[in-house]
Amino acid sequence: MKPVRVEVNDLMQKRYVYFRTKPMGRAFRSDFKPQLTPAQMLALGVFGGKYMSDCRKEFPASWFKKAKLCRQRHDAPLNFFGVNASQPLSVWRRKGWI
């Protein structure tokens, strides 16, 4: 597959560029066995609907068909468990997750 250039411009990143070198949703390591797909997680209101609410262009539209999203804020009742289990962006950055 020819690498595909992806430029990210969302609330967390501006002009961040990466290259997708594998087909989307394919060619994972053999030990990567997630229990849910991204579409399933979004339909369950992962992270109170805030996560991925501003980056839809970067991912397949099919992921968002049943997504529970809240662009303005984290909305705990949207989450499958109805609780706020998220960490602030500052924690994600401090731990090097983003």
PDB file of N, CA and C in Angstrom:
ATOM      1  N   MET A   1       0.836  -1.183   0.000  1.00  0.00           N
ATOM      2  CA  MET A   1       0.000   0.000   0.000  1.00  0.00           C
ATOM      3  C   MET A   1       0.879   1.244   0.000  1.00  0.00           C
ATOM      4  N   LYS A   2       0.542   2.186  -0.825  1.00  0.00           N
ATOM      5  CA  LYS A   2       1.244   3.462  -0.851  1.00  0.00           C
ATOM      6  C   LYS A   2       0.845   4.269   0.388  1.00  0.00           C
ATOM      7  N   PRO A   3       1.809   4.814   1.132  1.00  0.00           N
ATOM      8  CA  PRO A   3       1.468   5.590   2.328  1.00  0.00           C
ATOM      9  C   PRO A   3       0.517   6.738   2.012  1.00  0.00           C
ATOM     10  N   VAL A   4      -0.434   6.948   2.922  1.00  0.00           N
ATOM     11  CA  VAL A   4      -1.419   8.014   2.781  1.00  0.00           C
ATOM     12  C   VAL A   4      -1.107   9.082   3.817  1.00  0.00           C
ATOM     13  N   ARG A   5      -0.905  10.317   3.361  1.00  0.00           N
ATOM     14  CA  ARG A   5      -0.610  11.431   4.262  1.00  0.00           C
ATOM     15  C   ARG A   5      -1.912  11.897   4.916  1.00  0.00           C
ATOM     16  N   VAL A   6      -1.881  12.026   6.254  1.00  0.00           N
ATOM     17  CA  VAL A   6      -3.035  12.501   7.006  1.00  0.00           C
ATOM     18  C   VAL A   6      -2.593  13.700   7.827  1.00  0.00           C
ATOM     19  N   GLU A   7      -3.273  14.828   7.645  1.00  0.00           N
ATOM     20  CA  GLU A   7      -2.985  16.015   8.443  1.00  0.00           C
ATOM     21  C   GLU A   7      -4.122  16.208   9.427  1.00  0.00           C
ATOM     22  N   VAL A   8      -3.770  16.363  10.695  1.00  0.00           N
ATOM     23  CA  VAL A   8      -4.760  16.487  11.757  1.00  0.00           C
ATOM     24  C   VAL A   8      -4.831  17.932  12.219  1.00  0.00           C
ATOM     25  N   ASN A   9      -6.050  18.459  12.230  1.00  0.00           N
ATOM     26  CA  ASN A   9      -6.317  19.794  12.753  1.00  0.00           C
ATOM     27  C   ASN A   9      -7.581  19.691  13.598  1.00  0.00           C
ATOM     28  N   ASP A  10      -7.397  19.475  14.887  1.00  0.00           N
ATOM     29  CA  ASP A  10      -8.537  19.392  15.786  1.00  0.00           C
ATOM     30  C   ASP A  10      -8.221  20.193  17.046  1.00  0.00           C
ATOM     31  N   LEU A  11      -9.021  20.024  18.074  1.00  0.00           N
ATOM     32  CA  LEU A  11      -8.822  20.828  19.281  1.00  0.00           C
ATOM     33  C   LEU A  11      -7.517  20.513  20.007  1.00  0.00           C
ATOM     34  N   MET A  12      -6.988  19.311  19.831  1.00  0.00           N
ATOM     35  CA  MET A  12      -5.764  18.926  20.541  1.00  0.00           C
ATOM     36  C   MET A  12      -4.503  19.100  19.718  1.00  0.00           C
ATOM     37  N   GLN A  13      -4.631  19.095  18.385  1.00  0.00           N
ATOM     38  CA  GLN A  13      -3.445  19.129  17.529  1.00  0.00           C
ATOM     39  C   GLN A  13      -3.697  20.014  16.312  1.00  0.00           C
ATOM     40  N   LYS A  14      -2.703  20.755  15.935  1.00  0.00           N
ATOM     41  CA  LYS A  14      -2.768  21.597  14.739  1.00  0.00           C
ATOM     42  C   LYS A  14      -1.618  21.226  13.811  1.00  0.00           C
ATOM     43  N   ARG A  15      -1.955  20.969  12.566  1.00  0.00           N
ATOM     44  CA  ARG A  15      -0.980  20.649  11.517  1.00  0.00           C
ATOM     45  C   ARG A  15      -0.111  19.436  11.868  1.00  0.00           C
ATOM     46  N   TYR A  16      -0.645  18.512  12.657  1.00  0.00           N
ATOM     47  CA  TYR A  16       0.068  17.268  12.950  1.00  0.00           C
ATOM     48  C   TYR A  16      -0.090  16.345  11.747  1.00  0.00           C
ATOM     49  N   VAL A  17       1.007  15.793  11.256  1.00  0.00           N
ATOM     50  CA  VAL A  17       0.974  14.942  10.074  1.00  0.00           C
ATOM     51  C   VAL A  17       1.495  13.549  10.410  1.00  0.00           C
ATOM     52  N   TYR A  18       0.758  12.546   9.927  1.00  0.00           N
ATOM     53  CA  TYR A  18       1.255  11.176  10.005  1.00  0.00           C
ATOM     54  C   TYR A  18       0.941  10.481   8.690  1.00  0.00           C
ATOM     55  N   PHE A  19       1.574   9.342   8.481  1.00  0.00           N
ATOM     56  CA  PHE A  19       1.366   8.578   7.252  1.00  0.00           C
ATOM     57  C   PHE A  19       0.778   7.217   7.598  1.00  0.00           C
ATOM     58  N   ARG A  20      -0.385   6.941   7.041  1.00  0.00           N
ATOM     59  CA  ARG A  20      -1.008   5.636   7.226  1.00  0.00           C
ATOM     60  C   ARG A  20      -0.364   4.687   6.234  1.00  0.00           C
ATOM     61  N   THR A  21       0.296   3.651   6.740  1.00  0.00           N
ATOM     62  CA  THR A  21       1.057   2.728   5.889  1.00  0.00           C
ATOM     63  C   THR A  21       0.391   1.371   5.735  1.00  0.00           C
ATOM     64  N   LYS A  22      -0.722   1.167   6.426  1.00  0.00           N
ATOM     65  CA  LYS A  22      -1.476  -0.082   6.329  1.00  0.00           C
ATOM     66  C   LYS A  22      -2.920   0.256   5.970  1.00  0.00           C
ATOM     67  N   PRO A  23      -3.628  -0.669   5.370  1.00  0.00           N
ATOM     68  CA  PRO A  23      -5.041  -0.407   5.084  1.00  0.00           C
ATOM     69  C   PRO A  23      -5.799  -0.128   6.383  1.00  0.00           C
ATOM     70  N   MET A  24      -6.731   0.825   6.345  1.00  0.00           N
ATOM     71  CA  MET A  24      -7.473   1.213   7.536  1.00  0.00           C
ATOM     72  C   MET A  24      -8.220   0.004   8.105  1.00  0.00           C
ATOM     73  N   GLY A  25      -7.967  -0.284   9.373  1.00  0.00           N
ATOM     74  CA  GLY A  25      -8.636  -1.389  10.045  1.00  0.00           C
ATOM     75  C   GLY A  25      -8.091  -2.765   9.698  1.00  0.00           C
ATOM     76  N   ARG A  26      -6.907  -2.833   9.104  1.00  0.00           N
ATOM     77  CA  ARG A  26      -6.326  -4.109   8.688  1.00  0.00           C
ATOM     78  C   ARG A  26      -4.853  -4.173   9.099  1.00  0.00           C
ATOM     79  N   ALA A  27      -4.284  -5.362   9.027  1.00  0.00           N
ATOM     80  CA  ALA A  27      -2.840  -5.589   9.206  1.00  0.00           C
ATOM     81  C   ALA A  27      -2.343  -5.224  10.602  1.00  0.00           C
ATOM     82  N   PHE A  28      -3.126  -5.554  11.623  1.00  0.00           N
ATOM     83  CA  PHE A  28      -2.690  -5.334  13.001  1.00  0.00           C
ATOM     84  C   PHE A  28      -1.745  -6.444  13.436  1.00  0.00           C
ATOM     85  N   ARG A  29      -1.022  -6.214  14.509  1.00  0.00           N
ATOM     86  CA  ARG A  29      -0.192  -7.274  15.093  1.00  0.00           C
ATOM     87  C   ARG A  29      -1.095  -8.431  15.498  1.00  0.00           C
ATOM     88  N   SER A  30      -0.586  -9.618  15.428  1.00  0.00           N
ATOM     89  CA  SER A  30      -1.394 -10.807  15.717  1.00  0.00           C
ATOM     90  C   SER A  30      -1.892 -10.850  17.167  1.00  0.00           C
ATOM     91  N   ASP A  31      -1.186 -10.175  18.090  1.00  0.00           N
ATOM     92  CA  ASP A  31      -1.612 -10.184  19.490  1.00  0.00           C
ATOM     93  C   ASP A  31      -2.586  -9.051  19.833  1.00  0.00           C
ATOM     94  N   PHE A  32      -2.941  -8.234  18.856  1.00  0.00           N
ATOM     95  CA  PHE A  32      -3.916  -7.154  19.073  1.00  0.00           C
ATOM     96  C   PHE A  32      -5.308  -7.706  18.817  1.00  0.00           C
ATOM     97  N   LYS A  33      -6.072  -7.876  19.895  1.00  0.00           N
ATOM     98  CA  LYS A  33      -7.400  -8.468  19.797  1.00  0.00           C
ATOM     99  C   LYS A  33      -8.396  -7.640  20.616  1.00  0.00           C
ATOM    100  N   PRO A  34      -8.811  -6.482  20.111  1.00  0.00           N
ATOM    101  CA  PRO A  34      -9.733  -5.634  20.868  1.00  0.00           C
ATOM    102  C   PRO A  34     -11.104  -6.293  21.008  1.00  0.00           C
ATOM    103  N   GLN A  35     -11.781  -5.967  22.096  1.00  0.00           N
ATOM    104  CA  GLN A  35     -13.115  -6.520  22.339  1.00  0.00           C
ATOM    105  C   GLN A  35     -14.188  -5.758  21.566  1.00  0.00           C
ATOM    106  N   LEU A  36     -13.954  -4.485  21.285  1.00  0.00           N
ATOM    107  CA  LEU A  36     -14.928  -3.650  20.589  1.00  0.00           C
ATOM    108  C   LEU A  36     -14.262  -2.919  19.431  1.00  0.00           C
ATOM    109  N   THR A  37     -15.018  -2.640  18.401  1.00  0.00           N
ATOM    110  CA  THR A  37     -14.526  -1.830  17.294  1.00  0.00           C
ATOM    111  C   THR A  37     -14.648  -0.355  17.673  1.00  0.00           C
ATOM    112  N   PRO A  38     -13.969   0.533  16.951  1.00  0.00           N
ATOM    113  CA  PRO A  38     -14.150   1.962  17.232  1.00  0.00           C
ATOM    114  C   PRO A  38     -15.617   2.389  17.107  1.00  0.00           C
ATOM    115  N   ALA A  39     -16.333   1.886  16.107  1.00  0.00           N
ATOM    116  CA  ALA A  39     -17.750   2.239  15.939  1.00  0.00           C
ATOM    117  C   ALA A  39     -18.566   1.799  17.146  1.00  0.00           C
ATOM    118  N   GLN A  40     -18.290   0.620  17.675  1.00  0.00           N
ATOM    119  CA  GLN A  40     -19.012   0.132  18.856  1.00  0.00           C
ATOM    120  C   GLN A  40     -18.710   0.995  20.080  1.00  0.00           C
ATOM    121  N   MET A  41     -17.446   1.376  20.245  1.00  0.00           N
ATOM    122  CA  MET A  41     -17.084   2.222  21.383  1.00  0.00           C
ATOM    123  C   MET A  41     -17.776   3.577  21.292  1.00  0.00           C
ATOM    124  N   LEU A  42     -17.785   4.171  20.107  1.00  0.00           N
ATOM    125  CA  LEU A  42     -18.440   5.472  19.933  1.00  0.00           C
ATOM    126  C   LEU A  42     -19.946   5.370  20.165  1.00  0.00           C
ATOM    127  N   ALA A  43     -20.559   4.269  19.758  1.00  0.00           N
ATOM    128  CA  ALA A  43     -21.994   4.066  19.978  1.00  0.00           C
ATOM    129  C   ALA A  43     -22.318   3.908  21.464  1.00  0.00           C
ATOM    130  N   LEU A  44     -21.334   3.504  22.260  1.00  0.00           N
ATOM    131  CA  LEU A  44     -21.508   3.372  23.706  1.00  0.00           C
ATOM    132  C   LEU A  44     -21.203   4.676  24.446  1.00  0.00           C
ATOM    133  N   GLY A  45     -20.878   5.730  23.701  1.00  0.00           N
ATOM    134  CA  GLY A  45     -20.624   7.028  24.322  1.00  0.00           C
ATOM    135  C   GLY A  45     -19.297   7.119  25.034  1.00  0.00           C
ATOM    136  N   VAL A  46     -18.277   6.436  24.482  1.00  0.00           N
ATOM    137  CA  VAL A  46     -16.962   6.430  25.107  1.00  0.00           C
ATOM    138  C   VAL A  46     -16.530   7.859  25.469  1.00  0.00           C
ATOM    139  N   PHE A  47     -15.961   8.000  26.658  1.00  0.00           N
ATOM    140  CA  PHE A  47     -15.472   9.287  27.166  1.00  0.00           C
ATOM    141  C   PHE A  47     -16.553  10.361  27.192  1.00  0.00           C
ATOM    142  N   GLY A  48     -17.768   9.964  27.494  1.00  0.00           N
ATOM    143  CA  GLY A  48     -18.854  10.928  27.624  1.00  0.00           C
ATOM    144  C   GLY A  48     -19.170  11.662  26.340  1.00  0.00           C
ATOM    145  N   GLY A  49     -18.853  11.057  25.210  1.00  0.00           N
ATOM    146  CA  GLY A  49     -19.189  11.638  23.918  1.00  0.00           C
ATOM    147  C   GLY A  49     -18.261  12.723  23.426  1.00  0.00           C
ATOM    148  N   LYS A  50     -17.318  13.139  24.231  1.00  0.00           N
ATOM    149  CA  LYS A  50     -16.415  14.234  23.835  1.00  0.00           C
ATOM    150  C   LYS A  50     -15.285  13.749  22.934  1.00  0.00           C
ATOM    151  N   TYR A  51     -14.753  12.564  23.251  1.00  0.00           N
ATOM    152  CA  TYR A  51     -13.621  12.031  22.489  1.00  0.00           C
ATOM    153  C   TYR A  51     -14.022  11.819  21.039  1.00  0.00           C
ATOM    154  N   MET A  52     -13.226  12.321  20.127  1.00  0.00           N
ATOM    155  CA  MET A  52     -13.398  12.183  18.680  1.00  0.00           C
ATOM    156  C   MET A  52     -14.561  13.008  18.135  1.00  0.00           C
ATOM    157  N   SER A  53     -15.072  13.960  18.908  1.00  0.00           N
ATOM    158  CA  SER A  53     -16.183  14.779  18.423  1.00  0.00           C
ATOM    159  C   SER A  53     -15.728  15.849  17.434  1.00  0.00           C
ATOM    160  N   ASP A  54     -14.427  16.095  17.351  1.00  0.00           N
ATOM    161  CA  ASP A  54     -13.932  17.158  16.468  1.00  0.00           C
ATOM    162  C   ASP A  54     -12.984  16.649  15.377  1.00  0.00           C
ATOM    163  N   CYS A  55     -12.938  15.344  15.162  1.00  0.00           N
ATOM    164  CA  CYS A  55     -11.969  14.812  14.190  1.00  0.00           C
ATOM    165  C   CYS A  55     -12.604  13.796  13.242  1.00  0.00           C
ATOM    166  N   ARG A  56     -13.854  13.979  12.921  1.00  0.00           N
ATOM    167  CA  ARG A  56     -14.578  13.005  12.102  1.00  0.00           C
ATOM    168  C   ARG A  56     -13.989  12.840  10.708  1.00  0.00           C
ATOM    169  N   LYS A  57     -13.404  13.873  10.162  1.00  0.00           N
ATOM    170  CA  LYS A  57     -12.833  13.786   8.806  1.00  0.00           C
ATOM    171  C   LYS A  57     -11.662  12.813   8.729  1.00  0.00           C
ATOM    172  N   GLU A  58     -11.013  12.602   9.856  1.00  0.00           N
ATOM    173  CA  GLU A  58      -9.816  11.757   9.900  1.00  0.00           C
ATOM    174  C   GLU A  58     -10.146  10.261   9.858  1.00  0.00           C
ATOM    175  N   PHE A  59     -11.375   9.904  10.196  1.00  0.00           N
ATOM    176  CA  PHE A  59     -11.748   8.499  10.349  1.00  0.00           C
ATOM    177  C   PHE A  59     -12.936   8.145   9.457  1.00  0.00           C
ATOM    178  N   PRO A  60     -13.197   6.852   9.261  1.00  0.00           N
ATOM    179  CA  PRO A  60     -14.308   6.445   8.389  1.00  0.00           C
ATOM    180  C   PRO A  60     -15.663   6.946   8.911  1.00  0.00           C
ATOM    181  N   ALA A  61     -16.489   7.428   8.007  1.00  0.00           N
ATOM    182  CA  ALA A  61     -17.821   7.924   8.372  1.00  0.00           C
ATOM    183  C   ALA A  61     -18.650   6.841   9.047  1.00  0.00           C
ATOM    184  N   SER A  62     -18.420   5.590   8.687  1.00  0.00           N
ATOM    185  CA  SER A  62     -19.194   4.485   9.263  1.00  0.00           C
ATOM    186  C   SER A  62     -19.011   4.384  10.775  1.00  0.00           C
ATOM    187  N   TRP A  63     -17.878   4.840  11.291  1.00  0.00           N
ATOM    188  CA  TRP A  63     -17.648   4.798  12.734  1.00  0.00           C
ATOM    189  C   TRP A  63     -18.636   5.681  13.482  1.00  0.00           C
ATOM    190  N   PHE A  64     -19.143   6.715  12.828  1.00  0.00           N
ATOM    191  CA  PHE A  64     -19.932   7.749  13.504  1.00  0.00           C
ATOM    192  C   PHE A  64     -21.436   7.624  13.280  1.00  0.00           C
ATOM    193  N   LYS A  65     -21.871   6.608  12.546  1.00  0.00           N
ATOM    194  CA  LYS A  65     -23.303   6.480  12.234  1.00  0.00           C
ATOM    195  C   LYS A  65     -24.175   6.419  13.480  1.00  0.00           C
ATOM    196  N   LYS A  66     -23.762   5.701  14.502  1.00  0.00           N
ATOM    197  CA  LYS A  66     -24.551   5.572  15.736  1.00  0.00           C
ATOM    198  C   LYS A  66     -23.829   6.178  16.937  1.00  0.00           C
ATOM    199  N   ALA A  67     -22.822   6.986  16.676  1.00  0.00           N
ATOM    200  CA  ALA A  67     -22.007   7.556  17.754  1.00  0.00           C
ATOM    201  C   ALA A  67     -22.815   8.490  18.639  1.00  0.00           C
ATOM    202  N   LYS A  68     -22.547   8.419  19.929  1.00  0.00           N
ATOM    203  CA  LYS A  68     -23.124   9.344  20.902  1.00  0.00           C
ATOM    204  C   LYS A  68     -22.039  10.371  21.197  1.00  0.00           C
ATOM    205  N   LEU A  69     -22.214  11.573  20.646  1.00  0.00           N
ATOM    206  CA  LEU A  69     -21.196  12.609  20.767  1.00  0.00           C
ATOM    207  C   LEU A  69     -21.765  13.865  21.415  1.00  0.00           C
ATOM    208  N   CYS A  70     -20.896  14.597  22.091  1.00  0.00           N
ATOM    209  CA  CYS A  70     -21.245  15.889  22.663  1.00  0.00           C
ATOM    210  C   CYS A  70     -20.056  16.814  22.438  1.00  0.00           C
ATOM    211  N   ARG A  71     -20.150  17.641  21.434  1.00  0.00           N
ATOM    212  CA  ARG A  71     -19.025  18.507  21.058  1.00  0.00           C
ATOM    213  C   ARG A  71     -18.671  19.531  22.145  1.00  0.00           C
ATOM    214  N   GLN A  72     -19.660  20.000  22.883  1.00  0.00           N
ATOM    215  CA  GLN A  72     -19.427  21.081  23.846  1.00  0.00           C
ATOM    216  C   GLN A  72     -18.653  20.634  25.086  1.00  0.00           C
ATOM    217  N   ARG A  73     -18.949  19.429  25.590  1.00  0.00           N
ATOM    218  CA  ARG A  73     -18.339  19.024  26.857  1.00  0.00           C
ATOM    219  C   ARG A  73     -18.444  17.505  27.022  1.00  0.00           C
ATOM    220  N   HIS A  74     -17.748  17.009  28.006  1.00  0.00           N
ATOM    221  CA  HIS A  74     -17.895  15.614  28.420  1.00  0.00           C
ATOM    222  C   HIS A  74     -19.271  15.489  29.075  1.00  0.00           C
ATOM    223  N   ASP A  75     -20.089  14.568  28.630  1.00  0.00           N
ATOM    224  CA  ASP A  75     -21.442  14.399  29.136  1.00  0.00           C
ATOM    225  C   ASP A  75     -21.579  12.977  29.697  1.00  0.00           C
ATOM    226  N   ALA A  76     -21.343  12.822  30.996  1.00  0.00           N
ATOM    227  CA  ALA A  76     -21.317  11.494  31.623  1.00  0.00           C
ATOM    228  C   ALA A  76     -22.542  10.637  31.319  1.00  0.00           C
ATOM    229  N   PRO A  77     -23.764  11.174  31.283  1.00  0.00           N
ATOM    230  CA  PRO A  77     -24.915  10.316  30.984  1.00  0.00           C
ATOM    231  C   PRO A  77     -24.867   9.662  29.593  1.00  0.00           C
ATOM    232  N   LEU A  78     -24.079  10.207  28.662  1.00  0.00           N
ATOM    233  CA  LEU A  78     -23.943   9.580  27.345  1.00  0.00           C
ATOM    234  C   LEU A  78     -23.143   8.284  27.424  1.00  0.00           C
ATOM    235  N   ASN A  79     -22.247   8.220  28.404  1.00  0.00           N
ATOM    236  CA  ASN A  79     -21.396   7.047  28.574  1.00  0.00           C
ATOM    237  C   ASN A  79     -22.241   5.848  28.986  1.00  0.00           C
ATOM    238  N   PHE A  80     -21.903   4.687  28.463  1.00  0.00           N
ATOM    239  CA  PHE A  80     -22.619   3.447  28.763  1.00  0.00           C
ATOM    240  C   PHE A  80     -22.812   3.241  30.260  1.00  0.00           C
ATOM    241  N   PHE A  81     -21.805   3.570  31.060  1.00  0.00           N
ATOM    242  CA  PHE A  81     -21.869   3.378  32.505  1.00  0.00           C
ATOM    243  C   PHE A  81     -22.457   4.582  33.242  1.00  0.00           C
ATOM    244  N   GLY A  82     -22.645   5.702  32.535  1.00  0.00           N
ATOM    245  CA  GLY A  82     -23.244   6.885  33.139  1.00  0.00           C
ATOM    246  C   GLY A  82     -22.370   7.605  34.137  1.00  0.00           C
ATOM    247  N   VAL A  83     -21.056   7.392  34.063  1.00  0.00           N
ATOM    248  CA  VAL A  83     -20.139   8.049  34.995  1.00  0.00           C
ATOM    249  C   VAL A  83     -19.006   8.730  34.225  1.00  0.00           C
ATOM    250  N   ASN A  84     -18.361   9.679  34.871  1.00  0.00           N
ATOM    251  CA  ASN A  84     -17.197  10.337  34.292  1.00  0.00           C
ATOM    252  C   ASN A  84     -15.955   9.567  34.713  1.00  0.00           C
ATOM    253  N   ALA A  85     -15.411   8.790  33.804  1.00  0.00           N
ATOM    254  CA  ALA A  85     -14.211   8.005  34.098  1.00  0.00           C
ATOM    255  C   ALA A  85     -13.012   8.538  33.328  1.00  0.00           C
ATOM    256  N   SER A  86     -13.122   9.744  32.808  1.00  0.00           N
ATOM    257  CA  SER A  86     -12.078  10.318  31.957  1.00  0.00           C
ATOM    258  C   SER A  86     -11.024  11.048  32.767  1.00  0.00           C
ATOM    259  N   GLN A  87      -9.861  11.187  32.181  1.00  0.00           N
ATOM    260  CA  GLN A  87      -8.784  11.998  32.730  1.00  0.00           C
ATOM    261  C   GLN A  87      -8.692  13.270  31.886  1.00  0.00           C
ATOM    262  N   PRO A  88      -8.306  14.399  32.474  1.00  0.00           N
ATOM    263  CA  PRO A  88      -8.156  15.618  31.697  1.00  0.00           C
ATOM    264  C   PRO A  88      -7.031  15.486  30.667  1.00  0.00           C
ATOM    265  N   LEU A  89      -7.095  16.305  29.638  1.00  0.00           N
ATOM    266  CA  LEU A  89      -6.085  16.315  28.580  1.00  0.00           C
ATOM    267  C   LEU A  89      -4.680  16.489  29.152  1.00  0.00           C
ATOM    268  N   SER A  90      -4.548  17.273  30.217  1.00  0.00           N
ATOM    269  CA  SER A  90      -3.231  17.496  30.831  1.00  0.00           C
ATOM    270  C   SER A  90      -2.610  16.179  31.309  1.00  0.00           C
ATOM    271  N   VAL A  91      -3.403  15.261  31.809  1.00  0.00           N
ATOM    272  CA  VAL A  91      -2.901  13.958  32.253  1.00  0.00           C
ATOM    273  C   VAL A  91      -2.427  13.148  31.054  1.00  0.00           C
ATOM    274  N   TRP A  92      -3.209  13.146  29.982  1.00  0.00           N
ATOM    275  CA  TRP A  92      -2.829  12.424  28.761  1.00  0.00           C
ATOM    276  C   TRP A  92      -1.487  12.933  28.242  1.00  0.00           C
ATOM    277  N   ARG A  93      -1.320  14.259  28.233  1.00  0.00           N
ATOM    278  CA  ARG A  93      -0.066  14.845  27.737  1.00  0.00           C
ATOM    279  C   ARG A  93       1.100  14.518  28.675  1.00  0.00           C
ATOM    280  N   ARG A  94       0.897  14.639  29.974  1.00  0.00           N
ATOM    281  CA  ARG A  94       1.958  14.373  30.959  1.00  0.00           C
ATOM    282  C   ARG A  94       2.441  12.922  30.860  1.00  0.00           C
ATOM    283  N   LYS A  95       1.548  11.990  30.578  1.00  0.00           N
ATOM    284  CA  LYS A  95       1.926  10.588  30.485  1.00  0.00           C
ATOM    285  C   LYS A  95       2.454  10.208  29.099  1.00  0.00           C
ATOM    286  N   GLY A  96       2.426  11.162  28.165  1.00  0.00           N
ATOM    287  CA  GLY A  96       2.943  10.901  26.840  1.00  0.00           C
ATOM    288  C   GLY A  96       2.007  10.075  25.965  1.00  0.00           C
ATOM    289  N   TRP A  97       0.732  10.016  26.331  1.00  0.00           N
ATOM    290  CA  TRP A  97      -0.238   9.258  25.541  1.00  0.00           C
ATOM    291  C   TRP A  97      -0.659  10.024  24.306  1.00  0.00           C
ATOM    292  N   ILE A  98      -0.435  11.320  24.310  1.00  0.00           N
ATOM    293  CA  ILE A  98      -0.807  12.163  23.177  1.00  0.00           C
ATOM    294  C   ILE A  98       0.224  13.278  23.034  1.00  0.00           C
TER     295      ILE A  98
END
